[in-house]
Amino acid sequence: VSGIVGNEWYDREEGRRVTSASDLNTRLL
């Protein structure tokens, strides 16, 4: 239900491994 299925997983839409909180649209401060 939440969409958080692990610490990381392969995202088919992005074509890469992602983490549960990764977001390329943001920048680390």
PDB file of all heavy atoms in Angstrom:
ATOM      1  N   VAL A   1       0.826  -1.208   0.000  1.00  0.00           N
ATOM      2  CA  VAL A   1       0.000   0.000   0.000  1.00  0.00           C
ATOM      3  C   VAL A   1       0.861   1.259   0.000  1.00  0.00           C
ATOM      4  O   VAL A   1       0.592   2.216  -0.723  1.00  0.00           O
ATOM      5  CB  VAL A   1      -0.949   0.010   1.218  1.00  0.00           C
ATOM      6  CG1 VAL A   1      -1.769   1.303   1.267  1.00  0.00           C
ATOM      7  CG2 VAL A   1      -1.877  -1.207   1.190  1.00  0.00           C
ATOM      8  N   SER A   2       1.915   1.254   0.789  1.00  0.00           N
ATOM      9  CA  SER A   2       2.745   2.454   0.928  1.00  0.00           C
ATOM     10  C   SER A   2       3.662   2.687  -0.268  1.00  0.00           C
ATOM     11  O   SER A   2       4.091   3.814  -0.515  1.00  0.00           O
ATOM     12  CB  SER A   2       3.605   2.355   2.189  1.00  0.00           C
ATOM     13  OG  SER A   2       4.645   1.402   2.015  1.00  0.00           O
ATOM     14  N   GLY A   3       3.996   1.618  -1.008  1.00  0.00           N
ATOM     15  CA  GLY A   3       4.937   1.757  -2.116  1.00  0.00           C
ATOM     16  C   GLY A   3       6.388   1.612  -1.701  1.00  0.00           C
ATOM     17  O   GLY A   3       7.280   1.553  -2.542  1.00  0.00           O
ATOM     18  N   ILE A   4       6.655   1.567  -0.398  1.00  0.00           N
ATOM     19  CA  ILE A   4       8.020   1.386   0.096  1.00  0.00           C
ATOM     20  C   ILE A   4       8.227  -0.101   0.326  1.00  0.00           C
ATOM     21  O   ILE A   4       7.839  -0.647   1.366  1.00  0.00           O
ATOM     22  CB  ILE A   4       8.258   2.191   1.392  1.00  0.00           C
ATOM     23  CG1 ILE A   4       7.942   3.670   1.166  1.00  0.00           C
ATOM     24  CG2 ILE A   4       9.701   2.013   1.861  1.00  0.00           C
ATOM     25  CD1 ILE A   4       8.768   4.344   0.088  1.00  0.00           C
ATOM     26  N   VAL A   5       8.815  -0.761  -0.656  1.00  0.00           N
ATOM     27  CA  VAL A   5       8.909  -2.219  -0.627  1.00  0.00           C
ATOM     28  C   VAL A   5      10.275  -2.722  -0.167  1.00  0.00           C
ATOM     29  O   VAL A   5      10.512  -3.930  -0.122  1.00  0.00           O
ATOM     30  CB  VAL A   5       8.587  -2.802  -2.017  1.00  0.00           C
ATOM     31  CG1 VAL A   5       7.150  -2.493  -2.400  1.00  0.00           C
ATOM     32  CG2 VAL A   5       9.557  -2.270  -3.070  1.00  0.00           C
ATOM     33  N   GLY A   6      11.175  -1.811   0.160  1.00  0.00           N
ATOM     34  CA  GLY A   6      12.501  -2.208   0.625  1.00  0.00           C
ATOM     35  C   GLY A   6      13.358  -0.982   0.842  1.00  0.00           C
ATOM     36  O   GLY A   6      12.902   0.160   0.674  1.00  0.00           O
ATOM     37  N   ASN A   7      14.605  -1.197   1.235  1.00  0.00           N
ATOM     38  CA  ASN A   7      15.539  -0.074   1.340  1.00  0.00           C
ATOM     39  C   ASN A   7      15.883   0.456  -0.051  1.00  0.00           C
ATOM     40  O   ASN A   7      16.086   1.654  -0.245  1.00  0.00           O
ATOM     41  CB  ASN A   7      16.818  -0.510   2.049  1.00  0.00           C
ATOM     42  CG  ASN A   7      16.599  -0.823   3.512  1.00  0.00           C
ATOM     43  OD1 ASN A   7      15.639  -0.337   4.127  1.00  0.00           O
ATOM     44  ND2 ASN A   7      17.478  -1.619   4.093  1.00  0.00           N
ATOM     45  N   GLU A   8      15.953  -0.450  -1.026  1.00  0.00           N
ATOM     46  CA  GLU A   8      16.178  -0.069  -2.424  1.00  0.00           C
ATOM     47  C   GLU A   8      15.586  -1.138  -3.324  1.00  0.00           C
ATOM     48  O   GLU A   8      15.341  -2.271  -2.900  1.00  0.00           O
ATOM     49  CB  GLU A   8      17.667   0.119  -2.708  1.00  0.00           C
ATOM     50  CG  GLU A   8      18.523  -1.094  -2.436  1.00  0.00           C
ATOM     51  CD  GLU A   8      19.993  -0.817  -2.733  1.00  0.00           C
ATOM     52  OE1 GLU A   8      20.508   0.213  -2.288  1.00  0.00           O
ATOM     53  OE2 GLU A   8      20.603  -1.654  -3.428  1.00  0.00           O
ATOM     54  N   TRP A   9      15.341  -0.773  -4.561  1.00  0.00           N
ATOM     55  CA  TRP A   9      14.774  -1.710  -5.528  1.00  0.00           C
ATOM     56  C   TRP A   9      15.015  -1.182  -6.937  1.00  0.00           C
ATOM     57  O   TRP A   9      15.432  -0.030  -7.120  1.00  0.00           O
ATOM     58  CB  TRP A   9      13.277  -1.913  -5.286  1.00  0.00           C
ATOM     59  CG  TRP A   9      12.448  -0.662  -5.385  1.00  0.00           C
ATOM     60  CD1 TRP A   9      11.906  -0.121  -6.510  1.00  0.00           C
ATOM     61  CD2 TRP A   9      12.102   0.223  -4.305  1.00  0.00           C
ATOM     62  NE1 TRP A   9      11.232   1.035  -6.209  1.00  0.00           N
ATOM     63  CE2 TRP A   9      11.330   1.260  -4.853  1.00  0.00           C
ATOM     64  CE3 TRP A   9      12.347   0.216  -2.928  1.00  0.00           C
ATOM     65  CZ2 TRP A   9      10.817   2.303  -4.080  1.00  0.00           C
ATOM     66  CZ3 TRP A   9      11.830   1.248  -2.152  1.00  0.00           C
ATOM     67  CH2 TRP A   9      11.087   2.279  -2.735  1.00  0.00           C
ATOM     68  N   TYR A  10      14.734  -2.021  -7.919  1.00  0.00           N
ATOM     69  CA  TYR A  10      14.880  -1.607  -9.318  1.00  0.00           C
ATOM     70  C   TYR A  10      13.578  -0.963  -9.775  1.00  0.00           C
ATOM     71  O   TYR A  10      12.505  -1.562  -9.695  1.00  0.00           O
ATOM     72  CB  TYR A  10      15.199  -2.806 -10.212  1.00  0.00           C
ATOM     73  CG  TYR A  10      15.419  -2.419 -11.657  1.00  0.00           C
ATOM     74  CD1 TYR A  10      16.642  -1.913 -12.077  1.00  0.00           C
ATOM     75  CD2 TYR A  10      14.394  -2.545 -12.593  1.00  0.00           C
ATOM     76  CE1 TYR A  10      16.853  -1.544 -13.403  1.00  0.00           C
ATOM     77  CE2 TYR A  10      14.588  -2.181 -13.920  1.00  0.00           C
ATOM     78  CZ  TYR A  10      15.818  -1.674 -14.312  1.00  0.00           C
ATOM     79  OH  TYR A  10      16.018  -1.305 -15.620  1.00  0.00           O
ATOM     80  N   ASP A  11      13.675   0.278 -10.250  1.00  0.00           N
ATOM     81  CA  ASP A  11      12.515   0.998 -10.741  1.00  0.00           C
ATOM     82  C   ASP A  11      12.463   0.873 -12.261  1.00  0.00           C
ATOM     83  O   ASP A  11      13.346   1.364 -12.972  1.00  0.00           O
ATOM     84  CB  ASP A  11      12.603   2.477 -10.332  1.00  0.00           C
ATOM     85  CG  ASP A  11      11.342   3.242 -10.666  1.00  0.00           C
ATOM     86  OD1 ASP A  11      11.068   3.465 -11.862  1.00  0.00           O
ATOM     87  OD2 ASP A  11      10.611   3.629  -9.729  1.00  0.00           O
ATOM     88  N   ARG A  12      11.425   0.220 -12.757  1.00  0.00           N
ATOM     89  CA  ARG A  12      11.336  -0.035 -14.197  1.00  0.00           C
ATOM     90  C   ARG A  12      11.131   1.251 -14.999  1.00  0.00           C
ATOM     91  O   ARG A  12      11.631   1.384 -16.123  1.00  0.00           O
ATOM     92  CB  ARG A  12      10.202  -1.022 -14.478  1.00  0.00           C
ATOM     93  CG  ARG A  12      10.542  -2.455 -14.080  1.00  0.00           C
ATOM     94  CD  ARG A  12       9.405  -3.411 -14.313  1.00  0.00           C
ATOM     95  NE  ARG A  12       8.279  -3.161 -13.425  1.00  0.00           N
ATOM     96  CZ  ARG A  12       7.169  -3.890 -13.388  1.00  0.00           C
ATOM     97  NH1 ARG A  12       7.016  -4.907 -14.222  1.00  0.00           N
ATOM     98  NH2 ARG A  12       6.197  -3.613 -12.540  1.00  0.00           N
ATOM     99  N   GLU A  13      10.382   2.201 -14.447  1.00  0.00           N
ATOM    100  CA  GLU A  13      10.154   3.456 -15.167  1.00  0.00           C
ATOM    101  C   GLU A  13      11.444   4.260 -15.305  1.00  0.00           C
ATOM    102  O   GLU A  13      11.697   4.883 -16.334  1.00  0.00           O
ATOM    103  CB  GLU A  13       9.076   4.273 -14.465  1.00  0.00           C
ATOM    104  CG  GLU A  13       7.676   3.666 -14.563  1.00  0.00           C
ATOM    105  CD  GLU A  13       6.624   4.592 -13.974  1.00  0.00           C
ATOM    106  OE1 GLU A  13       6.989   5.688 -13.496  1.00  0.00           O
ATOM    107  OE2 GLU A  13       5.436   4.219 -14.004  1.00  0.00           O
ATOM    108  N   GLU A  14      12.255   4.276 -14.246  1.00  0.00           N
ATOM    109  CA  GLU A  14      13.498   5.038 -14.278  1.00  0.00           C
ATOM    110  C   GLU A  14      14.643   4.232 -14.875  1.00  0.00           C
ATOM    111  O   GLU A  14      15.683   4.792 -15.224  1.00  0.00           O
ATOM    112  CB  GLU A  14      13.865   5.507 -12.866  1.00  0.00           C
ATOM    113  CG  GLU A  14      12.863   6.480 -12.258  1.00  0.00           C
ATOM    114  CD  GLU A  14      13.332   7.033 -10.935  1.00  0.00           C
ATOM    115  OE1 GLU A  14      14.557   7.238 -10.771  1.00  0.00           O
ATOM    116  OE2 GLU A  14      12.475   7.263 -10.055  1.00  0.00           O
ATOM    117  N   GLY A  15      14.464   2.902 -14.939  1.00  0.00           N
ATOM    118  CA  GLY A  15      15.504   2.053 -15.506  1.00  0.00           C
ATOM    119  C   GLY A  15      16.757   1.994 -14.666  1.00  0.00           C
ATOM    120  O   GLY A  15      17.867   1.858 -15.203  1.00  0.00           O
ATOM    121  N   ARG A  16      16.609   2.061 -13.351  1.00  0.00           N
ATOM    122  CA  ARG A  16      17.774   2.035 -12.466  1.00  0.00           C
ATOM    123  C   ARG A  16      17.341   1.615 -11.067  1.00  0.00           C
ATOM    124  O   ARG A  16      16.147   1.593 -10.751  1.00  0.00           O
ATOM    125  CB  ARG A  16      18.439   3.426 -12.398  1.00  0.00           C
ATOM    126  CG  ARG A  16      17.564   4.481 -11.738  1.00  0.00           C
ATOM    127  CD  ARG A  16      18.178   5.869 -11.809  1.00  0.00           C
ATOM    128  NE  ARG A  16      17.369   6.838 -11.066  1.00  0.00           N
ATOM    129  CZ  ARG A  16      17.605   7.189  -9.808  1.00  0.00           C
ATOM    130  NH1 ARG A  16      18.633   6.672  -9.154  1.00  0.00           N
ATOM    131  NH2 ARG A  16      16.831   8.065  -9.207  1.00  0.00           N
ATOM    132  N   ARG A  17      18.345   1.301 -10.246  1.00  0.00           N
ATOM    133  CA  ARG A  17      18.062   1.017  -8.848  1.00  0.00           C
ATOM    134  C   ARG A  17      17.841   2.322  -8.104  1.00  0.00           C
ATOM    135  O   ARG A  17      18.565   3.300  -8.321  1.00  0.00           O
ATOM    136  CB  ARG A  17      19.203   0.227  -8.195  1.00  0.00           C
ATOM    137  CG  ARG A  17      19.329  -1.198  -8.707  1.00  0.00           C
ATOM    138  CD  ARG A  17      20.314  -2.006  -7.874  1.00  0.00           C
ATOM    139  NE  ARG A  17      19.820  -2.255  -6.527  1.00  0.00           N
ATOM    140  CZ  ARG A  17      18.983  -3.232  -6.208  1.00  0.00           C
ATOM    141  NH1 ARG A  17      18.525  -4.069  -7.133  1.00  0.00           N
ATOM    142  NH2 ARG A  17      18.594  -3.413  -4.958  1.00  0.00           N
ATOM    143  N   VAL A  18      16.850   2.354  -7.248  1.00  0.00           N
ATOM    144  CA  VAL A  18      16.544   3.550  -6.470  1.00  0.00           C
ATOM    145  C   VAL A  18      16.483   3.167  -4.997  1.00  0.00           C
ATOM    146  O   VAL A  18      16.334   1.994  -4.653  1.00  0.00           O
ATOM    147  CB  VAL A  18      15.199   4.172  -6.907  1.00  0.00           C
ATOM    148  CG1 VAL A  18      15.245   4.584  -8.365  1.00  0.00           C
ATOM    149  CG2 VAL A  18      14.039   3.199  -6.652  1.00  0.00           C
ATOM    150  N   THR A  19      16.586   4.151  -4.142  1.00  0.00           N
ATOM    151  CA  THR A  19      16.400   3.906  -2.711  1.00  0.00           C
ATOM    152  C   THR A  19      15.008   4.375  -2.313  1.00  0.00           C
ATOM    153  O   THR A  19      14.300   5.029  -3.098  1.00  0.00           O
ATOM    154  CB  THR A  19      17.443   4.652  -1.867  1.00  0.00           C
ATOM    155  OG1 THR A  19      17.152   6.060  -1.880  1.00  0.00           O
ATOM    156  CG2 THR A  19      18.852   4.406  -2.400  1.00  0.00           C
ATOM    157  N   SER A  20      14.617   4.060  -1.106  1.00  0.00           N
ATOM    158  CA  SER A  20      13.270   4.388  -0.645  1.00  0.00           C
ATOM    159  C   SER A  20      12.998   5.889  -0.591  1.00  0.00           C
ATOM    160  O   SER A  20      11.850   6.314  -0.590  1.00  0.00           O
ATOM    161  CB  SER A  20      13.047   3.796   0.751  1.00  0.00           C
ATOM    162  OG  SER A  20      14.025   4.275   1.668  1.00  0.00           O
ATOM    163  N   ALA A  21      14.058   6.703  -0.565  1.00  0.00           N
ATOM    164  CA  ALA A  21      13.860   8.149  -0.471  1.00  0.00           C
ATOM    165  C   ALA A  21      14.581   8.931  -1.566  1.00  0.00           C
ATOM    166  O   ALA A  21      14.544  10.165  -1.558  1.00  0.00           O
ATOM    167  CB  ALA A  21      14.330   8.656   0.905  1.00  0.00           C
ATOM    168  N   SER A  22      15.208   8.265  -2.520  1.00  0.00           N
ATOM    169  CA  SER A  22      15.955   8.986  -3.555  1.00  0.00           C
ATOM    170  C   SER A  22      15.023   9.796  -4.443  1.00  0.00           C
ATOM    171  O   SER A  22      13.910   9.384  -4.754  1.00  0.00           O
ATOM    172  CB  SER A  22      16.777   8.010  -4.410  1.00  0.00           C
ATOM    173  OG  SER A  22      15.939   7.063  -5.038  1.00  0.00           O
ATOM    174  N   ASP A  23      15.493  10.972  -4.839  1.00  0.00           N
ATOM    175  CA  ASP A  23      14.679  11.874  -5.657  1.00  0.00           C
ATOM    176  C   ASP A  23      15.614  12.777  -6.464  1.00  0.00           C
ATOM    177  O   ASP A  23      16.218  13.706  -5.913  1.00  0.00           O
ATOM    178  CB  ASP A  23      13.766  12.715  -4.768  1.00  0.00           C
ATOM    179  CG  ASP A  23      12.806  13.587  -5.556  1.00  0.00           C
ATOM    180  OD1 ASP A  23      12.956  13.687  -6.790  1.00  0.00           O
ATOM    181  OD2 ASP A  23      11.901  14.184  -4.945  1.00  0.00           O
ATOM    182  N   LEU A  24      15.728  12.527  -7.765  1.00  0.00           N
ATOM    183  CA  LEU A  24      16.628  13.308  -8.613  1.00  0.00           C
ATOM    184  C   LEU A  24      16.163  14.737  -8.802  1.00  0.00           C
ATOM    185  O   LEU A  24      16.919  15.579  -9.304  1.00  0.00           O
ATOM    186  CB  LEU A  24      16.764  12.623  -9.982  1.00  0.00           C
ATOM    187  CG  LEU A  24      17.453  11.249  -9.994  1.00  0.00           C
ATOM    188  CD1 LEU A  24      17.457  10.666 -11.403  1.00  0.00           C
ATOM    189  CD2 LEU A  24      18.873  11.347  -9.444  1.00  0.00           C
ATOM    190  N   ASN A  25      14.926  15.040  -8.412  1.00  0.00           N
ATOM    191  CA  ASN A  25      14.406  16.398  -8.570  1.00  0.00           C
ATOM    192  C   ASN A  25      14.738  17.297  -7.388  1.00  0.00           C
ATOM    193  O   ASN A  25      14.301  18.444  -7.340  1.00  0.00           O
ATOM    194  CB  ASN A  25      12.885  16.355  -8.757  1.00  0.00           C
ATOM    195  CG  ASN A  25      12.497  15.682 -10.060  1.00  0.00           C
ATOM    196  OD1 ASN A  25      13.101  15.935 -11.098  1.00  0.00           O
ATOM    197  ND2 ASN A  25      11.496  14.815 -10.014  1.00  0.00           N
ATOM    198  N   THR A  26      15.480  16.787  -6.429  1.00  0.00           N
ATOM    199  CA  THR A  26      15.877  17.596  -5.277  1.00  0.00           C
ATOM    200  C   THR A  26      17.390  17.635  -5.175  1.00  0.00           C
ATOM    201  O   THR A  26      18.095  16.864  -5.826  1.00  0.00           O
ATOM    202  CB  THR A  26      15.292  17.032  -3.964  1.00  0.00           C
ATOM    203  OG1 THR A  26      15.857  15.731  -3.734  1.00  0.00           O
ATOM    204  CG2 THR A  26      13.782  16.919  -4.037  1.00  0.00           C
ATOM    205  N   ARG A  27      17.884  18.525  -4.343  1.00  0.00           N
ATOM    206  CA  ARG A  27      19.326  18.680  -4.137  1.00  0.00           C
ATOM    207  C   ARG A  27      19.633  18.568  -2.648  1.00  0.00           C
ATOM    208  O   ARG A  27      18.860  19.006  -1.801  1.00  0.00           O
ATOM    209  CB  ARG A  27      19.761  20.048  -4.678  1.00  0.00           C
ATOM    210  CG  ARG A  27      21.242  20.357  -4.546  1.00  0.00           C
ATOM    211  CD  ARG A  27      21.577  21.651  -5.275  1.00  0.00           C
ATOM    212  NE  ARG A  27      20.730  22.765  -4.859  1.00  0.00           N
ATOM    213  CZ  ARG A  27      20.972  23.534  -3.802  1.00  0.00           C
ATOM    214  NH1 ARG A  27      22.035  23.299  -3.048  1.00  0.00           N
ATOM    215  NH2 ARG A  27      20.156  24.537  -3.502  1.00  0.00           N
ATOM    216  N   LEU A  28      20.760  17.944  -2.326  1.00  0.00           N
ATOM    217  CA  LEU A  28      21.172  17.801  -0.939  1.00  0.00           C
ATOM    218  C   LEU A  28      21.678  19.134  -0.413  1.00  0.00           C
ATOM    219  O   LEU A  28      22.477  19.806  -1.055  1.00  0.00           O
ATOM    220  CB  LEU A  28      22.274  16.745  -0.833  1.00  0.00           C
ATOM    221  CG  LEU A  28      22.644  16.262   0.565  1.00  0.00           C
ATOM    222  CD1 LEU A  28      21.477  15.506   1.198  1.00  0.00           C
ATOM    223  CD2 LEU A  28      23.879  15.363   0.512  1.00  0.00           C
ATOM    224  N   LEU A  29      21.213  19.529   0.757  1.00  0.00           N
ATOM    225  CA  LEU A  29      21.645  20.771   1.396  1.00  0.00           C
ATOM    226  C   LEU A  29      22.649  20.449   2.494  1.00  0.00           C
ATOM    227  O   LEU A  29      22.354  19.685   3.401  1.00  0.00           O
ATOM    228  CB  LEU A  29      20.450  21.509   2.003  1.00  0.00           C
ATOM    229  CG  LEU A  29      19.379  21.985   1.032  1.00  0.00           C
ATOM    230  CD1 LEU A  29      18.204  22.599   1.787  1.00  0.00           C
ATOM    231  CD2 LEU A  29      19.962  23.011   0.052  1.00  0.00           C
TER     232      LEU A  29
END
